[in-house]
Amino acid sequence: MNLEEARKRAEKLRKEIEHHNYLYYVLDQPEISDETYDGLMRELREVEERFPELVVPESPTQRVGGEPLDEFEKVRHEVPMLSLENAFSEDELWSFFKRTKSVLSRDKLEYFCELKIDGLAVSLLYENGRLVRGATRGNGLVGEDVTNNIRTISSVPLKTVKPVEGILEVRGEVLMTKRAFSRLNSQREEQGLPLFANPRNAAAGSLRQLNPKIT
């Protein structure tokens, strides 16, 4: 295999692996067995080891975190990461509707409602389609740079599906499913480690690990 053949094969393998990551981690609809997936990863590693010049930051093989940090660097958000206040009664909900209507000065408003996901708010920054930074919400103005830990999350794309010029910021929640939480606590119990109280704490604790290899 020459360099050009290796480049084409590596690109094809990366696309296949990211496709299956999306099916498995996002849609929960895997199309291939774990053995087949591991085979694709193994082949990609072999190609990149033979041709190290082909290794790129967004390769699935680069999801393993780097060296442990002494502390996280601070990140100032260009646009503050705000959050909505909770409403605990029907009166508080109607009060929210009235305030919203008065501010927007519109007779008719449409709302999109969804179940609340209890996780850790993060900001993902993509530059020309490549993930360059992941940060926690912090106090809304300043958060912590957790890029190395974010890169270990298989459901987070290291590169956008389609080319995107300039800066793209994506905001969302890092969460842990109940099934993953139960599995994690079982492992910790076997190792004699303290158990996490709930999935939210487990997700937050994992994301703020100074050693990304543990994340």
Protein backbone atom coordinates (compact mmCIF):
# COMPACT_ATOMS: atom_id res chain seq x y z
CA MET A 1 0.00 0.00 0.00
CA ASN A 2 1.45 3.35 -1.05
CA LEU A 3 0.79 6.71 0.60
CA GLU A 4 -2.11 7.69 -1.67
CA GLU A 5 -3.82 4.33 -1.26
CA ALA A 6 -3.34 4.60 2.51
CA ARG A 7 -4.84 8.11 2.53
CA LYS A 8 -7.96 6.96 0.69
CA ARG A 9 -8.35 3.91 2.93
CA ALA A 10 -7.90 5.95 6.10
CA GLU A 11 -10.53 8.48 4.98
CA LYS A 12 -12.98 5.68 4.16
CA LEU A 13 -12.39 3.98 7.51
CA ARG A 14 -12.88 7.24 9.43
CA LYS A 15 -16.19 7.91 7.71
CA GLU A 16 -17.38 4.37 8.40
CA ILE A 17 -16.38 4.49 12.06
CA GLU A 18 -17.99 7.90 12.69
CA HIS A 19 -21.14 6.68 10.94
CA HIS A 20 -21.33 3.67 13.25
CA ASN A 21 -20.52 5.85 16.28
CA TYR A 22 -23.56 7.96 15.42
CA LEU A 23 -25.79 4.91 15.00
CA TYR A 24 -24.59 3.36 18.26
CA TYR A 25 -24.19 6.30 20.63
CA VAL A 26 -26.83 8.73 19.32
CA LEU A 27 -29.57 6.63 17.70
CA ASP A 28 -28.97 3.45 19.74
CA GLN A 29 -29.41 1.49 16.48
CA PRO A 30 -26.13 -0.35 15.79
CA GLU A 31 -25.81 -2.01 12.39
CA ILE A 32 -22.62 -3.99 13.01
CA SER A 33 -21.26 -6.17 15.80
CA ASP A 34 -18.69 -4.96 18.32
CA GLU A 35 -16.17 -7.31 16.73
CA THR A 36 -16.67 -5.77 13.29
CA TYR A 37 -16.38 -2.26 14.75
CA ASP A 38 -13.20 -3.20 16.60
CA GLY A 39 -11.82 -4.56 13.33
CA LEU A 40 -12.39 -1.22 11.59
CA MET A 41 -10.65 0.63 14.42
CA ARG A 42 -7.77 -1.84 14.40
CA GLU A 43 -7.25 -1.42 10.66
CA LEU A 44 -7.32 2.38 10.94
CA ARG A 45 -4.73 2.31 13.73
CA GLU A 46 -2.50 0.06 11.62
CA VAL A 47 -2.74 2.41 8.62
CA GLU A 48 -1.96 5.45 10.77
CA GLU A 49 0.93 3.70 12.50
CA ARG A 50 2.43 2.78 9.14
CA PHE A 51 1.80 6.27 7.71
CA PRO A 52 1.90 8.65 10.74
CA GLU A 53 1.72 11.65 8.42
CA LEU A 54 -1.92 10.71 7.79
CA VAL A 55 -2.97 11.13 11.43
CA VAL A 56 -5.39 14.06 11.84
CA PRO A 57 -6.88 15.51 15.07
CA GLU A 58 -10.42 14.45 14.14
CA SER A 59 -9.51 10.80 13.58
CA PRO A 60 -11.48 8.35 15.80
CA THR A 61 -8.13 6.99 16.99
CA GLN A 62 -7.38 10.36 18.59
CA ARG A 63 -10.33 10.28 20.99
CA VAL A 64 -8.18 8.92 23.80
CA GLY A 65 -7.28 11.86 26.05
CA GLY A 66 -3.85 13.33 26.55
CA GLU A 67 -1.73 13.71 29.65
CA PRO A 68 -3.27 14.59 33.05
CA LEU A 69 -3.66 18.30 33.83
CA ASP A 70 -2.82 20.12 37.05
CA GLU A 71 -5.91 22.29 36.58
CA PHE A 72 -8.32 23.41 33.86
CA GLU A 73 -7.71 26.63 31.97
CA LYS A 74 -10.43 29.27 32.19
CA VAL A 75 -12.49 30.12 29.11
CA ARG A 76 -14.49 33.32 28.63
CA HIS A 77 -17.67 32.79 26.62
CA GLU A 78 -18.12 35.23 23.72
CA VAL A 79 -21.87 35.09 24.37
CA PRO A 80 -22.93 34.37 27.99
CA MET A 81 -24.34 30.89 28.62
CA LEU A 82 -27.57 31.77 30.40
CA SER A 83 -30.22 29.47 31.84
CA LEU A 84 -33.95 29.71 32.53
CA GLU A 85 -35.32 29.91 36.05
CA ASN A 86 -37.41 27.02 37.33
CA ALA A 87 -41.18 27.29 37.65
CA PHE A 88 -42.66 25.32 40.54
CA SER A 89 -46.32 26.29 40.22
CA GLU A 90 -48.94 27.13 37.61
CA ASP A 91 -48.89 30.78 38.72
CA GLU A 92 -45.14 31.00 38.09
CA LEU A 93 -45.64 29.47 34.64
CA TRP A 94 -48.34 31.99 33.71
CA SER A 95 -46.10 34.77 34.99
CA PHE A 96 -43.39 33.56 32.61
CA PHE A 97 -45.84 33.59 29.69
CA LYS A 98 -46.91 37.16 30.47
CA ARG A 99 -43.33 38.44 30.77
CA THR A 100 -42.35 36.78 27.51
CA LYS A 101 -45.34 38.22 25.67
CA SER A 102 -44.70 41.74 26.98
CA VAL A 103 -41.02 41.65 25.99
CA LEU A 104 -41.67 40.31 22.48
CA SER A 105 -44.79 42.47 21.93
CA ARG A 106 -46.59 39.79 19.95
CA ASP A 107 -50.20 38.63 20.19
CA LYS A 108 -49.44 35.00 19.38
CA LEU A 109 -46.45 32.99 20.60
CA GLU A 110 -45.47 29.39 19.94
CA TYR A 111 -43.50 27.33 22.45
CA PHE A 112 -41.42 24.24 21.93
CA CYS A 113 -41.39 22.00 24.99
CA GLU A 114 -39.24 18.99 25.74
CA LEU A 115 -38.26 16.88 28.72
CA LYS A 116 -35.54 18.43 30.85
CA ILE A 117 -32.17 16.73 30.51
CA ASP A 118 -30.27 16.91 33.77
CA GLY A 119 -26.64 17.09 32.74
CA LEU A 120 -23.73 19.48 32.54
CA ALA A 121 -24.04 22.40 30.10
CA VAL A 122 -21.15 22.68 27.65
CA SER A 123 -20.10 24.78 24.68
CA LEU A 124 -18.42 23.14 21.67
CA LEU A 125 -16.45 25.39 19.34
CA TYR A 126 -15.79 24.28 15.76
CA GLU A 127 -13.36 26.14 13.51
CA ASN A 128 -13.74 25.42 9.80
CA GLY A 129 -15.59 22.25 10.71
CA ARG A 130 -13.11 20.89 13.27
CA LEU A 131 -13.64 20.71 17.03
CA VAL A 132 -11.11 23.06 18.63
CA ARG A 133 -12.56 23.64 22.11
CA GLY A 134 -15.01 22.28 24.61
CA ALA A 135 -15.89 24.31 27.70
CA THR A 136 -18.21 24.04 30.69
CA ARG A 137 -20.82 26.72 31.38
CA GLY A 138 -19.18 27.72 34.66
CA ASN A 139 -20.81 30.89 35.96
CA GLY A 140 -22.22 31.69 32.53
CA LEU A 141 -19.44 34.15 31.69
CA VAL A 142 -16.35 32.05 32.39
CA GLY A 143 -16.10 28.27 32.17
CA GLU A 144 -13.38 25.63 32.10
CA ASP A 145 -11.59 24.21 29.07
CA VAL A 146 -12.43 20.48 29.01
CA THR A 147 -11.54 19.86 25.36
CA ASN A 148 -9.47 16.73 26.00
CA ASN A 149 -12.30 15.16 27.97
CA ILE A 150 -14.94 16.14 25.40
CA ARG A 151 -12.89 14.42 22.69
CA THR A 152 -13.30 11.08 24.49
CA ILE A 153 -17.12 11.20 24.10
CA SER A 154 -17.91 9.06 21.06
CA SER A 155 -21.23 10.80 20.33
CA VAL A 156 -19.49 14.18 19.92
CA PRO A 157 -18.29 14.65 16.32
CA LEU A 158 -14.68 15.78 16.03
CA LYS A 159 -15.51 17.11 12.56
CA THR A 160 -18.79 18.38 11.11
CA VAL A 161 -20.51 16.14 8.57
CA LYS A 162 -20.56 18.95 6.01
CA PRO A 163 -17.89 21.66 5.60
CA VAL A 164 -18.59 24.72 7.73
CA GLU A 165 -16.51 27.84 7.21
CA GLY A 166 -15.52 30.06 10.11
CA ILE A 167 -16.65 29.56 13.70
CA LEU A 168 -19.60 27.38 14.75
CA GLU A 169 -20.61 27.11 18.40
CA VAL A 170 -22.85 24.27 19.58
CA ARG A 171 -24.33 24.26 23.08
CA GLY A 172 -25.92 21.35 24.86
CA GLU A 173 -25.80 19.00 27.83
CA VAL A 174 -23.37 16.23 28.65
CA LEU A 175 -25.43 13.47 30.25
CA MET A 176 -25.12 9.86 31.34
CA THR A 177 -27.87 7.33 30.68
CA LYS A 178 -29.26 5.33 33.59
CA ARG A 179 -27.89 2.15 32.03
CA ALA A 180 -24.38 3.60 31.74
CA PHE A 181 -24.68 5.00 35.27
CA SER A 182 -25.60 1.59 36.68
CA ARG A 183 -22.72 -0.06 34.83
CA LEU A 184 -20.25 2.59 36.04
CA ASN A 185 -21.29 2.26 39.68
CA SER A 186 -21.03 -1.54 39.45
CA GLN A 187 -17.46 -1.19 38.22
CA ARG A 188 -16.62 1.30 40.96
CA GLU A 189 -18.11 -0.99 43.61
CA GLU A 190 -15.93 -3.88 42.39
CA GLN A 191 -12.88 -1.61 42.58
CA GLY A 192 -13.76 -0.42 46.08
CA LEU A 193 -14.33 3.17 44.92
CA PRO A 194 -17.04 5.57 46.20
CA LEU A 195 -20.30 5.34 44.25
CA PHE A 196 -21.82 8.29 42.39
CA ALA A 197 -25.11 9.55 43.84
CA ASN A 198 -26.88 10.06 40.50
CA PRO A 199 -26.24 10.17 36.72
CA ARG A 200 -25.88 13.95 36.71
CA ASN A 201 -23.10 13.89 39.30
CA ALA A 202 -21.42 11.03 37.46
CA ALA A 203 -21.47 12.94 34.16
CA ALA A 204 -20.17 16.13 35.76
CA GLY A 205 -17.49 14.29 37.69
CA SER A 206 -16.32 12.40 34.62
CA LEU A 207 -16.16 15.54 32.49
CA ARG A 208 -14.11 17.38 35.09
CA GLN A 209 -11.51 14.65 35.49
CA LEU A 210 -8.02 16.14 35.24
CA ASN A 211 -6.87 12.89 33.65
CA PRO A 212 -8.80 12.50 30.36
CA LYS A 213 -7.80 8.83 30.11
CA ILE A 214 -10.09 8.18 33.09
CA THR A 215 -12.94 10.12 31.47
